[in-house]
Protein backbone atom coordinates (compact mmCIF):
# COMPACT_ATOMS: atom_id res chain seq x y z
CA MET A 1 18.18 101.01 46.99
CA ARG A 2 19.00 98.42 44.71
CA PRO A 3 17.20 94.83 45.10
CA GLN A 4 19.70 92.23 46.21
CA ILE A 5 19.75 89.14 43.51
CA ALA A 6 21.37 86.09 42.84
CA VAL A 7 23.43 85.35 39.77
CA PHE A 8 22.91 81.95 38.21
CA TRP A 9 26.18 81.69 35.53
CA PHE A 10 25.63 79.81 32.70
CA ARG A 11 28.74 77.81 31.12
CA ARG A 12 28.31 74.15 29.88
CA ASP A 13 24.64 73.87 31.01
CA LEU A 14 22.79 75.94 28.11
CA ARG A 15 19.30 74.77 29.06
CA LEU A 16 16.41 76.09 31.23
CA GLU A 17 15.15 72.53 32.09
CA ASP A 18 16.59 70.00 34.56
CA ASN A 19 19.32 72.00 35.55
CA ALA A 20 20.78 71.55 38.94
CA GLY A 21 22.55 74.97 39.81
CA LEU A 22 19.76 76.84 38.20
CA CYS A 23 17.26 74.94 40.47
CA HIS A 24 19.06 75.89 43.43
CA ALA A 25 19.41 79.44 42.51
CA LEU A 26 15.64 79.78 41.64
CA GLN A 27 14.80 78.31 44.97
CA SER A 28 17.31 80.92 46.78
CA GLY A 29 14.54 83.20 47.75
CA ARG A 30 15.97 86.01 45.53
CA PRO A 31 15.28 87.06 41.73
CA VAL A 32 17.77 85.17 39.56
CA LEU A 33 19.69 87.17 36.99
CA PRO A 34 20.96 84.52 34.27
CA LEU A 35 24.17 85.37 33.00
CA PHE A 36 26.20 83.89 30.08
CA ILE A 37 30.08 85.14 29.53
CA PHE A 38 31.65 84.88 25.85
CA ASP A 39 35.09 83.97 27.57
CA ARG A 40 37.79 85.99 25.78
CA GLU A 41 40.34 83.67 27.22
CA ILE A 42 38.73 80.69 24.98
CA LEU A 43 37.96 82.97 22.36
CA ASP A 44 41.16 84.50 21.66
CA GLU A 45 42.72 80.89 21.18
CA LEU A 46 40.38 80.17 18.25
CA GLU A 47 42.06 80.49 15.13
CA ASP A 48 38.95 80.26 12.73
CA LYS A 49 36.57 83.15 13.32
CA LYS A 50 33.81 80.91 11.34
CA ASP A 51 34.10 78.64 14.36
CA ARG A 52 30.92 76.47 14.31
CA ARG A 53 31.01 75.98 18.02
CA VAL A 54 30.77 79.64 18.87
CA GLU A 55 27.80 79.64 16.34
CA PHE A 56 26.48 76.54 18.22
CA ILE A 57 26.54 78.70 21.61
CA HIS A 58 24.79 81.73 20.29
CA GLN A 59 21.97 79.85 18.71
CA ALA A 60 21.42 78.19 22.06
CA LEU A 61 21.69 81.65 24.11
CA SER A 62 19.17 82.85 21.46
CA GLU A 63 16.74 79.83 22.16
CA MET A 64 17.02 80.53 26.05
CA GLN A 65 16.39 84.34 25.55
CA THR A 66 13.14 83.50 23.94
CA GLU A 67 12.02 81.42 26.80
CA LEU A 68 12.97 84.01 29.42
CA ARG A 69 11.18 86.69 27.60
CA ARG A 70 8.16 84.48 28.10
CA ALA A 71 9.09 84.74 31.73
CA GLY A 72 9.30 88.50 31.64
CA SER A 73 13.04 88.13 32.42
CA SER A 74 16.28 88.37 29.95
CA LEU A 75 19.42 86.64 29.86
CA LEU A 76 22.46 89.04 30.27
CA VAL A 77 25.64 88.34 27.98
CA ARG A 78 28.63 89.83 28.29
CA CYS A 79 31.87 89.21 26.59
CA GLY A 80 35.29 89.34 28.21
CA LYS A 81 37.56 87.98 30.45
CA PRO A 82 35.61 86.32 33.41
CA VAL A 83 37.36 88.04 36.40
CA GLN A 84 36.67 91.65 34.52
CA VAL A 85 33.28 90.72 34.02
CA TRP A 86 32.24 89.71 37.55
CA LYS A 87 34.15 93.13 38.78
CA GLN A 88 31.81 95.03 36.56
CA LEU A 89 28.57 93.09 37.62
CA LEU A 90 29.53 93.47 41.31
CA GLU A 91 29.37 97.44 40.64
CA GLU A 92 26.32 97.18 38.76
CA PHE A 93 24.21 94.98 40.80
CA ASP A 94 23.60 93.99 44.50
CA VAL A 95 24.66 90.14 44.30
CA ALA A 96 23.82 88.42 47.18
CA ALA A 97 24.95 84.88 46.22
CA ALA A 98 25.95 83.19 42.75
CA TYR A 99 25.26 79.85 41.38
CA ALA A 100 26.84 77.78 38.88
CA ASN A 101 27.35 74.13 38.05
CA HIS A 102 30.72 72.26 38.32
CA ASP A 103 32.95 72.38 35.48
CA TYR A 104 36.11 69.90 35.31
CA GLU A 105 38.52 71.09 32.70
CA PRO A 106 41.77 72.42 34.02
CA TYR A 107 41.44 75.83 32.79
CA ALA A 108 37.56 75.58 34.15
CA ILE A 109 38.76 74.79 37.38
CA ARG A 110 41.24 77.73 37.82
CA ARG A 111 38.44 80.34 36.47
CA ASP A 112 36.15 79.16 39.14
CA ARG A 113 38.81 79.62 41.96
CA GLU A 114 39.79 82.75 40.71
CA ILE A 115 35.86 83.90 40.81
CA ALA A 116 35.60 82.20 43.99
CA GLU A 117 38.02 84.14 45.63
CA LEU A 118 36.64 87.40 44.11
CA LEU A 119 33.18 86.69 45.41
CA LYS A 120 34.60 85.54 48.75
CA GLU A 121 36.40 88.93 49.09
CA ARG A 122 33.08 90.87 48.91
CA GLY A 123 31.39 88.39 51.33
CA ILE A 124 29.43 87.06 48.48
CA PRO A 125 29.02 82.81 48.64
CA PHE A 126 29.76 81.01 45.28
CA HIS A 127 27.49 77.73 45.19
CA THR A 128 28.36 75.08 42.58
CA PHE A 129 26.33 71.73 41.67
CA LYS A 130 26.90 68.58 39.90
CA ASP A 131 25.08 68.80 36.66
CA GLN A 132 27.09 67.50 33.77
CA VAL A 133 27.64 63.82 34.76
CA ILE A 134 25.85 61.29 36.54
CA PHE A 135 28.69 60.63 38.71
CA GLU A 136 31.86 62.91 39.59
CA LYS A 137 35.41 61.59 39.79
CA SER A 138 35.71 60.35 43.02
CA GLU A 139 31.87 58.65 43.14
CA VAL A 140 33.14 55.66 41.40
CA LEU A 141 36.10 54.14 42.86
CA SER A 142 37.07 50.68 43.53
CA ALA A 143 36.85 48.98 46.90
CA ARG A 144 40.35 50.12 48.21
CA GLY A 145 39.10 53.94 47.33
CA ASN A 146 41.34 53.96 44.32
CA PRO A 147 40.20 55.47 40.95
CA TYR A 148 39.54 52.75 38.11
CA THR A 149 42.21 53.16 35.03
CA VAL A 150 40.15 50.51 32.68
CA TYR A 151 36.94 51.16 31.40
CA THR A 152 35.18 47.72 32.10
CA PRO A 153 35.44 47.57 35.72
CA TYR A 154 34.75 51.26 36.13
CA ARG A 155 31.33 50.71 33.90
CA ASN A 156 30.48 47.58 36.07
CA ARG A 157 30.92 49.81 39.30
CA TRP A 158 29.20 52.83 37.60
CA LYS A 159 26.03 50.53 36.80
CA GLU A 160 26.15 49.09 40.48
CA LEU A 161 25.94 52.68 41.92
CA LEU A 162 23.20 53.86 39.51
CA THR A 163 20.03 54.87 41.38
CA GLY A 164 16.82 56.42 40.65
CA GLU A 165 17.89 59.61 42.83
CA ALA A 166 20.92 59.99 40.44
CA LEU A 167 18.74 60.46 37.77
CA LYS A 168 15.91 62.54 39.19
CA PRO A 169 15.56 65.75 37.41
CA PHE A 170 15.69 68.97 38.85
CA PRO A 171 12.50 70.81 38.16
CA SER A 172 14.02 74.34 37.30
CA GLU A 173 11.64 74.82 34.20
CA SER A 174 8.78 75.15 36.76
CA LEU A 175 10.39 78.07 38.75
CA GLN A 176 10.89 80.55 35.97
CA GLU A 177 8.73 83.15 37.97
CA ASN A 178 11.78 83.63 40.14
CA PHE A 179 13.79 84.93 37.50
CA TRP A 180 14.66 88.64 37.92
CA LYS A 181 12.33 90.52 35.69
CA SER A 182 13.87 93.08 33.51
CA GLY A 183 13.34 94.46 30.15
CA ALA A 184 14.86 92.92 27.03
CA LEU A 185 18.83 92.92 27.15
CA PRO A 186 20.49 92.52 23.96
CA ILE A 187 22.57 89.50 22.85
CA PRO A 188 25.63 90.54 21.22
CA GLY A 189 25.96 89.22 17.43
CA LEU A 190 28.59 86.92 16.37
CA SER A 191 30.51 89.78 14.48
CA GLU A 192 30.43 91.77 17.76
CA ILE A 193 32.45 89.24 19.52
CA GLY A 194 34.88 88.81 16.42
CA PHE A 195 33.13 85.84 14.84
CA GLU A 196 31.38 85.28 11.48
CA ALA A 197 28.29 83.16 10.98
CA THR A 198 28.74 80.01 8.88
CA GLY A 199 24.88 78.99 8.49
CA ALA A 200 25.96 75.46 9.49
CA ALA A 201 22.65 73.30 10.19
CA PHE A 202 23.27 71.64 13.79
CA PRO A 203 22.32 68.40 14.86
CA ALA A 204 18.72 68.24 16.31
CA LYS A 205 18.32 68.00 20.16
CA ALA A 206 15.61 65.78 20.20
CA LEU A 207 16.41 62.19 20.97
CA ARG A 208 15.52 59.59 18.07
CA GLU A 209 14.38 56.71 19.86
CA GLU A 210 14.40 54.42 16.67
CA ILE A 211 18.37 55.28 16.55
CA VAL A 212 18.91 54.40 20.19
CA ARG A 213 16.92 51.31 20.19
CA ASP A 214 19.16 49.85 17.24
CA TYR A 215 22.25 51.39 18.31
CA HIS A 216 24.23 48.25 18.92
CA ARG A 217 23.44 47.01 15.18
CA ARG A 218 24.09 50.15 13.54
CA ARG A 219 26.61 52.23 15.19
CA ASN A 220 29.45 51.07 13.19
CA PHE A 221 28.51 51.75 9.94
CA PRO A 222 29.55 55.46 8.79
CA ALA A 223 27.01 55.78 5.76
CA VAL A 224 23.80 55.15 7.79
CA PRO A 225 22.28 57.51 10.52
CA GLY A 226 22.69 54.91 13.31
CA THR A 227 24.33 57.49 16.03
CA THR A 228 22.54 60.06 17.60
CA ARG A 229 24.77 63.14 17.04
CA LEU A 230 24.03 64.61 20.59
CA GLY A 231 27.75 65.12 21.10
CA VAL A 232 27.52 68.73 20.85
CA HIS A 233 24.30 68.99 22.89
CA LEU A 234 25.95 67.07 25.64
CA ARG A 235 29.21 69.14 25.42
CA PHE A 236 27.49 72.46 26.13
CA GLY A 237 24.72 71.10 27.99
CA THR A 238 21.57 71.93 25.66
CA VAL A 239 20.29 68.41 26.82
CA SER A 240 20.21 67.03 30.46
CA VAL A 241 22.55 63.93 30.65
CA ARG A 242 20.16 62.72 33.38
CA GLN A 243 17.55 62.66 30.84
CA LEU A 244 19.54 60.90 28.30
CA ALA A 245 20.66 58.13 30.76
CA ARG A 246 17.00 57.58 32.04
CA ARG A 247 16.11 57.03 28.16
CA ALA A 248 19.31 54.70 27.66
CA LEU A 249 18.22 52.51 30.61
CA GLU A 250 14.85 52.15 29.01
CA LEU A 251 16.15 51.89 25.22
CA ASN A 252 19.56 50.33 24.74
CA ASP A 253 22.56 49.20 27.27
CA ALA A 254 25.05 49.83 24.42
CA TRP A 255 24.12 53.62 24.18
CA LEU A 256 24.25 53.99 28.09
CA ASP A 257 27.52 52.49 27.79
CA GLU A 258 28.56 55.43 25.66
CA LEU A 259 27.61 57.80 28.32
CA ILE A 260 29.79 55.85 30.58
CA TRP A 261 32.57 56.15 28.40
CA ARG A 262 32.33 60.03 28.41
CA GLU A 263 32.14 60.01 32.55
CA PHE A 264 35.29 57.44 32.53
CA PHE A 265 37.57 59.87 30.61
CA MET A 266 36.34 62.92 32.62
CA MET A 267 37.09 60.95 35.78
CA ILE A 268 40.58 60.00 34.43
CA LEU A 269 41.46 63.69 33.56
CA GLY A 270 40.30 64.61 37.17
CA HIS A 271 42.57 62.46 38.92
CA PHE A 272 45.53 62.04 36.47
CA SER A 273 45.70 65.69 35.12
CA TYR A 274 49.10 65.12 33.30
CA VAL A 275 47.15 63.11 30.69
CA VAL A 276 46.49 66.82 29.01
CA ASP A 277 49.93 66.53 27.51
CA GLN A 278 51.63 63.41 28.60
CA PRO A 279 50.70 59.85 28.18
CA PHE A 280 48.79 58.05 30.77
CA LYS A 281 51.14 55.10 30.49
CA GLU A 282 54.19 57.50 31.47
CA LYS A 283 57.17 54.89 29.91
CA TYR A 284 55.30 55.74 26.36
CA ALA A 285 56.73 59.19 26.75
CA ALA A 286 59.81 57.38 25.12
CA ILE A 287 58.37 56.64 21.96
CA PRO A 288 60.30 58.35 19.07
CA TRP A 289 57.63 59.61 16.77
CA ARG A 290 58.57 60.49 13.16
CA ASN A 291 56.38 63.56 13.12
CA ASP A 292 56.82 64.09 9.18
CA GLU A 293 55.16 67.39 8.39
CA ASN A 294 54.27 66.45 4.88
CA GLU A 295 52.49 63.34 5.74
CA PHE A 296 50.52 65.24 8.65
CA ALA A 297 49.45 67.57 5.81
CA ALA A 298 48.28 64.85 3.54
CA TRP A 299 46.49 63.23 6.71
CA ARG A 300 44.85 66.65 7.50
CA GLU A 301 43.49 67.35 3.95
CA GLY A 302 42.32 63.51 3.44
CA LYS A 303 45.08 62.78 0.89
CA THR A 304 46.64 59.87 2.28
CA GLY A 305 45.59 57.21 -0.35
CA TYR A 306 43.76 55.43 2.23
CA PRO A 307 40.14 55.77 1.31
CA LEU A 308 38.65 55.45 4.72
CA VAL A 309 40.88 57.53 6.36
CA ASP A 310 40.48 60.43 3.84
CA ALA A 311 36.88 60.51 3.71
CA GLY A 312 36.90 60.69 7.32
CA MET A 313 39.07 63.64 7.49
CA ARG A 314 37.22 65.30 4.62
CA GLU A 315 33.88 64.85 6.69
CA LEU A 316 35.50 66.67 9.50
CA ASN A 317 36.97 69.52 7.62
CA ALA A 318 33.61 70.03 5.85
CA SER A 319 31.26 69.59 8.80
CA GLY A 320 32.77 69.43 11.99
CA PHE A 321 31.79 65.80 12.53
CA MET A 322 33.31 62.49 11.94
CA HIS A 323 31.68 58.95 12.70
CA ASN A 324 33.14 57.31 15.76
CA ARG A 325 34.10 53.99 13.98
CA VAL A 326 36.02 56.48 11.66
CA ARG A 327 37.76 58.19 14.08
CA MET A 328 39.11 55.50 15.69
CA VAL A 329 40.77 54.46 12.18
CA VAL A 330 42.00 57.69 11.33
CA ALA A 331 43.68 58.26 14.70
CA SER A 332 45.17 54.79 14.49
CA PHE A 333 46.60 55.80 11.10
CA LEU A 334 48.09 58.81 12.08
CA THR A 335 49.82 57.45 15.16
CA LYS A 336 50.57 53.82 13.76
CA HIS A 337 51.07 54.08 10.42
CA LEU A 338 52.71 57.44 10.16
CA LEU A 339 54.30 57.42 13.45
CA ILE A 340 53.19 60.82 14.13
CA ASP A 341 52.59 62.02 17.92
CA TRP A 342 48.83 61.58 18.89
CA ARG A 343 49.09 65.10 20.39
CA TRP A 344 49.31 66.54 16.83
CA GLY A 345 46.27 64.75 15.83
CA GLU A 346 44.55 65.47 19.28
CA ARG A 347 45.41 69.30 18.60
CA TYR A 348 43.83 69.14 15.21
CA PHE A 349 40.58 67.45 16.33
CA ALA A 350 40.37 69.82 19.01
CA LYS A 351 40.01 72.75 16.39
CA LYS A 352 37.90 71.07 14.08
CA LEU A 353 35.29 69.03 15.95
CA LEU A 354 31.89 70.45 16.96
CA ASP A 355 31.36 68.04 19.83
CA TYR A 356 35.24 68.56 21.04
CA GLU A 357 35.32 67.68 24.70
CA LEU A 358 39.05 67.73 26.30
CA ALA A 359 38.86 64.52 28.40
CA SER A 360 36.79 62.31 25.37
CA ASN A 361 39.32 63.64 22.88
CA ASN A 362 42.44 63.24 24.86
CA GLY A 363 41.28 59.79 26.16
CA ASN A 364 40.33 58.55 22.65
CA TRP A 365 43.47 59.82 21.27
CA GLN A 366 45.64 57.79 23.61
CA TRP A 367 43.49 54.89 23.52
CA ALA A 368 44.35 54.79 19.47
CA ALA A 369 47.85 55.29 20.03
CA GLY A 370 48.22 52.76 22.52
CA CYS A 371 49.46 54.96 25.57
CA GLY A 372 46.09 55.35 27.29
CA CYS A 373 43.87 53.57 29.62
CA ASP A 374 43.41 50.40 27.64
CA ALA A 375 43.78 46.95 28.94
CA ALA A 376 45.01 45.64 25.56
CA PRO A 377 48.75 46.09 24.44
CA TYR A 378 49.94 48.76 22.03
CA PHE A 379 49.71 46.35 18.98
CA ARG A 380 46.32 47.05 18.14
CA ILE A 381 46.64 48.68 14.58
CA PHE A 382 43.36 48.93 12.41
CA ASN A 383 43.67 48.10 8.91
CA PRO A 384 41.92 50.77 6.81
CA ALA A 385 40.84 48.72 4.13
CA ALA A 386 39.89 45.84 5.97
CA GLN A 387 37.48 48.28 8.30
CA ALA A 388 36.21 49.87 5.17
CA GLU A 389 35.21 46.56 3.78
CA LYS A 390 33.41 45.53 6.88
CA PHE A 391 31.89 48.65 7.78
CA ASP A 392 31.24 50.60 4.46
CA PRO A 393 30.71 47.44 2.26
CA GLN A 394 28.83 49.16 -0.67
CA SER A 395 31.57 51.99 -0.16
CA GLU A 396 28.48 54.48 0.16
CA TYR A 397 30.45 56.63 2.62
CA LEU A 398 33.87 56.66 0.49
CA LYS A 399 31.83 57.87 -2.66
CA LYS A 400 30.13 60.49 -0.65
CA TRP A 401 33.57 61.99 0.90
CA ALA A 402 36.08 60.88 -1.59
CA PRO A 403 34.17 60.69 -5.09
CA GLU A 404 37.45 60.80 -7.23
CA LEU A 405 38.18 57.06 -5.85
CA ASN A 406 39.16 54.73 -8.57
CA SER A 407 40.10 57.40 -10.66
CA PRO A 408 43.37 58.84 -11.70
CA ALA A 409 42.90 61.98 -9.54
CA TYR A 410 43.09 59.84 -6.21
CA PRO A 411 46.48 59.91 -4.73
CA ALA A 412 48.45 56.66 -4.28
CA PRO A 413 48.91 55.54 -0.59
CA ILE A 414 51.51 57.64 1.29
CA VAL A 415 52.52 54.39 3.01
CA GLU A 416 52.24 50.63 2.52
CA HIS A 417 50.23 49.10 5.08
CA LYS A 418 52.05 45.97 5.87
CA PHE A 419 55.60 47.91 6.14
CA ALA A 420 53.70 50.64 8.44
CA ARG A 421 52.39 47.77 10.65
CA GLN A 422 56.01 46.00 10.93
CA ARG A 423 57.72 49.46 11.50
CA VAL A 424 55.46 50.68 14.41
CA LEU A 425 55.71 47.41 16.01
CA GLU A 426 59.60 47.35 15.85
CA VAL A 427 59.41 50.80 17.20
CA PHE A 428 57.42 50.53 20.15
CA LYS A 429 58.81 47.50 20.96
CA LYS A 430 62.20 49.01 21.15
CA ALA A 431 61.42 51.98 22.72
CA LEU A 432 59.42 50.42 25.61
CA GLU A 433 62.25 47.58 26.21
CA LYS A 434 64.37 50.29 27.33
CA GLN A 435 62.29 51.32 29.95
């Protein structure tokens, strides 16, 4: 007779420590089979078979596997469409209960609903828990019970609600004797799931305290190591957001604000799901974008003739990373200087960013375009030259990523700043006046 087991399904929580759903599974009284699914619904949409994110996940799984083997267990890794994988699992194992952590993106919600229905048909409960945020979408609301649509009042209320209990860790790492004991189960290689290794060096998982302490002074300068580079670890849950928030409270309130921005955009996506492909401020759907394909190509390739924009795009293409100050400038340039639809830029970032997260990517692109959750009107237009002068005064960042700068090889500007600024102001004003 097969033993009854519980299954814990890893998704955006690739760690064994301080993991809410995993902790509950390990306390369930049944041996826990740890599961990860390389989801073909997602993988098949990735055009680049050297996608660094898949490689990052693979490395994270390998690290967990090493820890699990020490506990006499093993991670079960499958590749396929989740509902098919689960049907197969239910044939192979006597599953008494399934556990996972909440996932908030539209596809993930649909996927989890489908799996919950499948399990319900077999009489198997599917328990899910809050783990990747401190507060979920309906936990931070106005006095009238409405979601906030501007960041600052949301942040203030978020901080008012914060308690030690919200940051309390889940001791999943101390319960490893409750994993299902098994022989080593192989993790499929990258080539087996249709991808190739890049050999990319990923940002370290350890929090560098000196960077956080000085974050408010150094975060805007792309040539210096002034940011933690933990975005990819938050994205895939290789670190606990509760641990980071506790450290932020001790070290630097400005860095805590960045964690709150992340939850703000998740809240917006949760309450206003139309933002996935429509502007938050719906009247901005009337903007007549120029959408010039040649100019979009120049922007993608870092050949606009604007050094800070070009340096940022080249850094993104080469590394999967772009400094946050530079992200704002390149997004503003695409939408305001070139009048190209923010969705074009958003989709390109989604393909390239190692730390890509739907809610933050969407929210920040809409912020840059002036159509999102922002108290400021649409006429914030970054001057790339002034931004470079202020935040890269020695041109260290520019010289690193655009070494041909100040030589005949560097392209002329594809549009003149003053002209572009006046054009976008007129276009937006005219379109919005018709509403």
